[in-house]
Amino acid sequence: MTSLLEWSGQREWDEQLHRDRVPLMRPVSYERTAAFSDTACRESHMGTALTINVSSGGMCLLMDWAPEWQEVLRVQVPMPIALAQTPTLAEVRWERPVPMSQNGLYFVGVRFIL
């Protein structure tokens, strides 16, 4: 059973994450590689996703496939300066299908790990 103190601490953490979040819609290049993937699909895969929002700890992406939980992607993080991007590694923390979408689109939350 979760104590009130534990629940309150989690709530404060969640609120801090939400305050830090900034809406940002930009294309983001990513690479899924065998070196970082534990999936059955072991070949390298590159693609483009769309950021929904970004925070200091991670970002929400719109993708046309659903990566596995804890899969690591190399992403090009969009920066406020036009045309600038920073490469980093990001771990998949959750994925959810876009409601009422028949195109196989997914919201994917990633946490920066490098």
C-alpha atoms as a PDB file:
ATOM      1  CA  MET A   1       0.000   0.000   0.000  1.00  0.00           C
ATOM      2  CA  THR A   2       1.337   3.440  -0.937  1.00  0.00           C
ATOM      3  CA  SER A   3       1.633   5.862   1.942  1.00  0.00           C
ATOM      4  CA  LEU A   4       0.343   9.412   1.672  1.00  0.00           C
ATOM      5  CA  LEU A   5       3.921  10.670   1.910  1.00  0.00           C
ATOM      6  CA  GLU A   6       5.083   8.476  -1.007  1.00  0.00           C
ATOM      7  CA  TRP A   7       2.076   9.508  -3.116  1.00  0.00           C
ATOM      8  CA  SER A   8       2.662  13.189  -2.352  1.00  0.00           C
ATOM      9  CA  GLY A   9       6.365  12.875  -3.332  1.00  0.00           C
ATOM     10  CA  GLN A  10       5.427  11.212  -6.633  1.00  0.00           C
ATOM     11  CA  ARG A  11       2.878  13.928  -7.284  1.00  0.00           C
ATOM     12  CA  GLU A  12       5.479  16.662  -6.684  1.00  0.00           C
ATOM     13  CA  TRP A  13       7.869  14.857  -9.076  1.00  0.00           C
ATOM     14  CA  ASP A  14       5.155  14.578 -11.747  1.00  0.00           C
ATOM     15  CA  GLU A  15       4.248  18.259 -11.364  1.00  0.00           C
ATOM     16  CA  GLN A  16       7.911  19.257 -11.690  1.00  0.00           C
ATOM     17  CA  LEU A  17       8.171  17.263 -14.917  1.00  0.00           C
ATOM     18  CA  HIS A  18       5.034  18.926 -16.288  1.00  0.00           C
ATOM     19  CA  ARG A  19       6.262  22.451 -15.427  1.00  0.00           C
ATOM     20  CA  ASP A  20       9.537  21.802 -17.228  1.00  0.00           C
ATOM     21  CA  ARG A  21       7.785  20.687 -20.427  1.00  0.00           C
ATOM     22  CA  VAL A  22       7.702  23.011 -23.447  1.00  0.00           C
ATOM     23  CA  PRO A  23       5.528  22.431 -26.517  1.00  0.00           C
ATOM     24  CA  LEU A  24       7.743  22.026 -29.565  1.00  0.00           C
ATOM     25  CA  MET A  25       6.747  20.549 -32.924  1.00  0.00           C
ATOM     26  CA  ARG A  26       9.792  19.813 -35.050  1.00  0.00           C
ATOM     27  CA  PRO A  27      11.044  16.839 -37.028  1.00  0.00           C
ATOM     28  CA  VAL A  28      13.583  14.737 -35.132  1.00  0.00           C
ATOM     29  CA  SER A  29      15.932  12.228 -36.741  1.00  0.00           C
ATOM     30  CA  TYR A  30      16.446   8.989 -34.848  1.00  0.00           C
ATOM     31  CA  GLU A  31      18.427   5.816 -35.268  1.00  0.00           C
ATOM     32  CA  ARG A  32      17.578   2.413 -33.893  1.00  0.00           C
ATOM     33  CA  THR A  33      20.682   0.245 -33.910  1.00  0.00           C
ATOM     34  CA  ALA A  34      21.478  -3.363 -33.112  1.00  0.00           C
ATOM     35  CA  ALA A  35      24.042  -2.205 -30.572  1.00  0.00           C
ATOM     36  CA  PHE A  36      21.326  -0.600 -28.449  1.00  0.00           C
ATOM     37  CA  SER A  37      18.291  -2.722 -29.285  1.00  0.00           C
ATOM     38  CA  ASP A  38      17.171  -5.910 -27.541  1.00  0.00           C
ATOM     39  CA  THR A  39      14.458  -6.626 -30.088  1.00  0.00           C
ATOM     40  CA  ALA A  40      14.200  -9.438 -32.604  1.00  0.00           C
ATOM     41  CA  CYS A  41      14.761  -6.869 -35.363  1.00  0.00           C
ATOM     42  CA  ARG A  42      18.548  -6.493 -35.147  1.00  0.00           C
ATOM     43  CA  GLU A  43      19.259  -4.328 -38.187  1.00  0.00           C
ATOM     44  CA  SER A  44      19.905  -0.592 -38.052  1.00  0.00           C
ATOM     45  CA  HIS A  45      16.856   1.562 -38.709  1.00  0.00           C
ATOM     46  CA  MET A  46      16.781   5.326 -39.263  1.00  0.00           C
ATOM     47  CA  GLY A  47      13.748   7.537 -39.468  1.00  0.00           C
ATOM     48  CA  THR A  48      12.084  10.787 -38.556  1.00  0.00           C
ATOM     49  CA  ALA A  49       9.610  11.466 -35.769  1.00  0.00           C
ATOM     50  CA  LEU A  50       7.810  14.644 -34.727  1.00  0.00           C
ATOM     51  CA  THR A  51       8.357  16.169 -31.286  1.00  0.00           C
ATOM     52  CA  ILE A  52       5.202  17.062 -29.365  1.00  0.00           C
ATOM     53  CA  ASN A  53       6.953  18.524 -26.333  1.00  0.00           C
ATOM     54  CA  VAL A  54      10.444  18.635 -24.819  1.00  0.00           C
ATOM     55  CA  SER A  55      11.781  18.927 -21.277  1.00  0.00           C
ATOM     56  CA  SER A  56      15.227  18.816 -19.708  1.00  0.00           C
ATOM     57  CA  GLY A  57      14.704  15.109 -18.995  1.00  0.00           C
ATOM     58  CA  GLY A  58      13.105  13.844 -22.207  1.00  0.00           C
ATOM     59  CA  MET A  59      10.505  14.407 -24.894  1.00  0.00           C
ATOM     60  CA  CYS A  60       7.266  13.122 -26.344  1.00  0.00           C
ATOM     61  CA  LEU A  61       7.450  11.980 -29.959  1.00  0.00           C
ATOM     62  CA  LEU A  62       4.870  11.127 -32.590  1.00  0.00           C
ATOM     63  CA  MET A  63       6.103   8.036 -34.438  1.00  0.00           C
ATOM     64  CA  ASP A  64       4.786   5.693 -37.123  1.00  0.00           C
ATOM     65  CA  TRP A  65       5.819   2.578 -35.150  1.00  0.00           C
ATOM     66  CA  ALA A  66       5.855   1.534 -31.500  1.00  0.00           C
ATOM     67  CA  PRO A  67       9.340   0.930 -30.081  1.00  0.00           C
ATOM     68  CA  GLU A  68       9.684  -1.451 -27.157  1.00  0.00           C
ATOM     69  CA  TRP A  69       9.807  -0.273 -23.551  1.00  0.00           C
ATOM     70  CA  GLN A  70      13.416   0.549 -22.538  1.00  0.00           C
ATOM     71  CA  GLU A  71      14.614   0.425 -26.149  1.00  0.00           C
ATOM     72  CA  VAL A  72      17.405   2.959 -26.685  1.00  0.00           C
ATOM     73  CA  LEU A  73      17.336   5.308 -29.670  1.00  0.00           C
ATOM     74  CA  ARG A  74      19.970   7.759 -30.860  1.00  0.00           C
ATOM     75  CA  VAL A  75      18.038  10.989 -31.424  1.00  0.00           C
ATOM     76  CA  GLN A  76      18.886  14.445 -32.724  1.00  0.00           C
ATOM     77  CA  VAL A  77      17.385  16.723 -30.063  1.00  0.00           C
ATOM     78  CA  PRO A  78      15.999  19.949 -31.585  1.00  0.00           C
ATOM     79  CA  MET A  79      17.498  23.153 -30.182  1.00  0.00           C
ATOM     80  CA  PRO A  80      15.910  26.629 -30.080  1.00  0.00           C
ATOM     81  CA  ILE A  81      18.448  27.899 -32.607  1.00  0.00           C
ATOM     82  CA  ALA A  82      17.229  27.154 -36.135  1.00  0.00           C
ATOM     83  CA  LEU A  83      19.029  24.244 -37.792  1.00  0.00           C
ATOM     84  CA  ALA A  84      20.859  23.244 -34.576  1.00  0.00           C
ATOM     85  CA  GLN A  85      20.458  19.737 -33.170  1.00  0.00           C
ATOM     86  CA  THR A  86      22.274  17.823 -30.450  1.00  0.00           C
ATOM     87  CA  PRO A  87      22.737  14.040 -30.738  1.00  0.00           C
ATOM     88  CA  THR A  88      21.979  12.006 -27.603  1.00  0.00           C
ATOM     89  CA  LEU A  89      20.654   8.651 -26.482  1.00  0.00           C
ATOM     90  CA  ALA A  90      17.069   8.327 -25.270  1.00  0.00           C
ATOM     91  CA  GLU A  91      15.336   5.408 -23.562  1.00  0.00           C
ATOM     92  CA  VAL A  92      11.713   4.592 -24.375  1.00  0.00           C
ATOM     93  CA  ARG A  93       9.638   4.926 -21.179  1.00  0.00           C
ATOM     94  CA  TRP A  94       6.132   4.487 -22.635  1.00  0.00           C
ATOM     95  CA  GLU A  95       4.168   4.289 -25.868  1.00  0.00           C
ATOM     96  CA  ARG A  96       0.483   4.722 -26.595  1.00  0.00           C
ATOM     97  CA  PRO A  97      -1.423   4.484 -29.869  1.00  0.00           C
ATOM     98  CA  VAL A  98      -2.889   7.760 -31.090  1.00  0.00           C
ATOM     99  CA  PRO A  99      -6.629   7.569 -30.292  1.00  0.00           C
ATOM    100  CA  MET A 100      -8.881   7.156 -33.320  1.00  0.00           C
ATOM    101  CA  SER A 101      -5.886   6.888 -35.643  1.00  0.00           C
ATOM    102  CA  GLN A 102      -6.004   4.187 -38.278  1.00  0.00           C
ATOM    103  CA  ASN A 103      -2.570   5.103 -39.630  1.00  0.00           C
ATOM    104  CA  GLY A 104      -0.531   3.235 -36.989  1.00  0.00           C
ATOM    105  CA  LEU A 105       0.702   6.363 -35.205  1.00  0.00           C
ATOM    106  CA  TYR A 106       2.038   6.312 -31.644  1.00  0.00           C
ATOM    107  CA  PHE A 107       2.887   8.810 -28.926  1.00  0.00           C
ATOM    108  CA  VAL A 108       6.244   7.741 -27.486  1.00  0.00           C
ATOM    109  CA  GLY A 109       7.802   9.149 -24.309  1.00  0.00           C
ATOM    110  CA  VAL A 110      11.592   9.009 -24.101  1.00  0.00           C
ATOM    111  CA  ARG A 111      14.009   9.894 -21.317  1.00  0.00           C
ATOM    112  CA  PHE A 112      17.434  11.321 -22.151  1.00  0.00           C
ATOM    113  CA  ILE A 113      20.221   9.074 -20.897  1.00  0.00           C
ATOM    114  CA  LEU A 114      23.296  10.793 -22.287  1.00  0.00           C
END
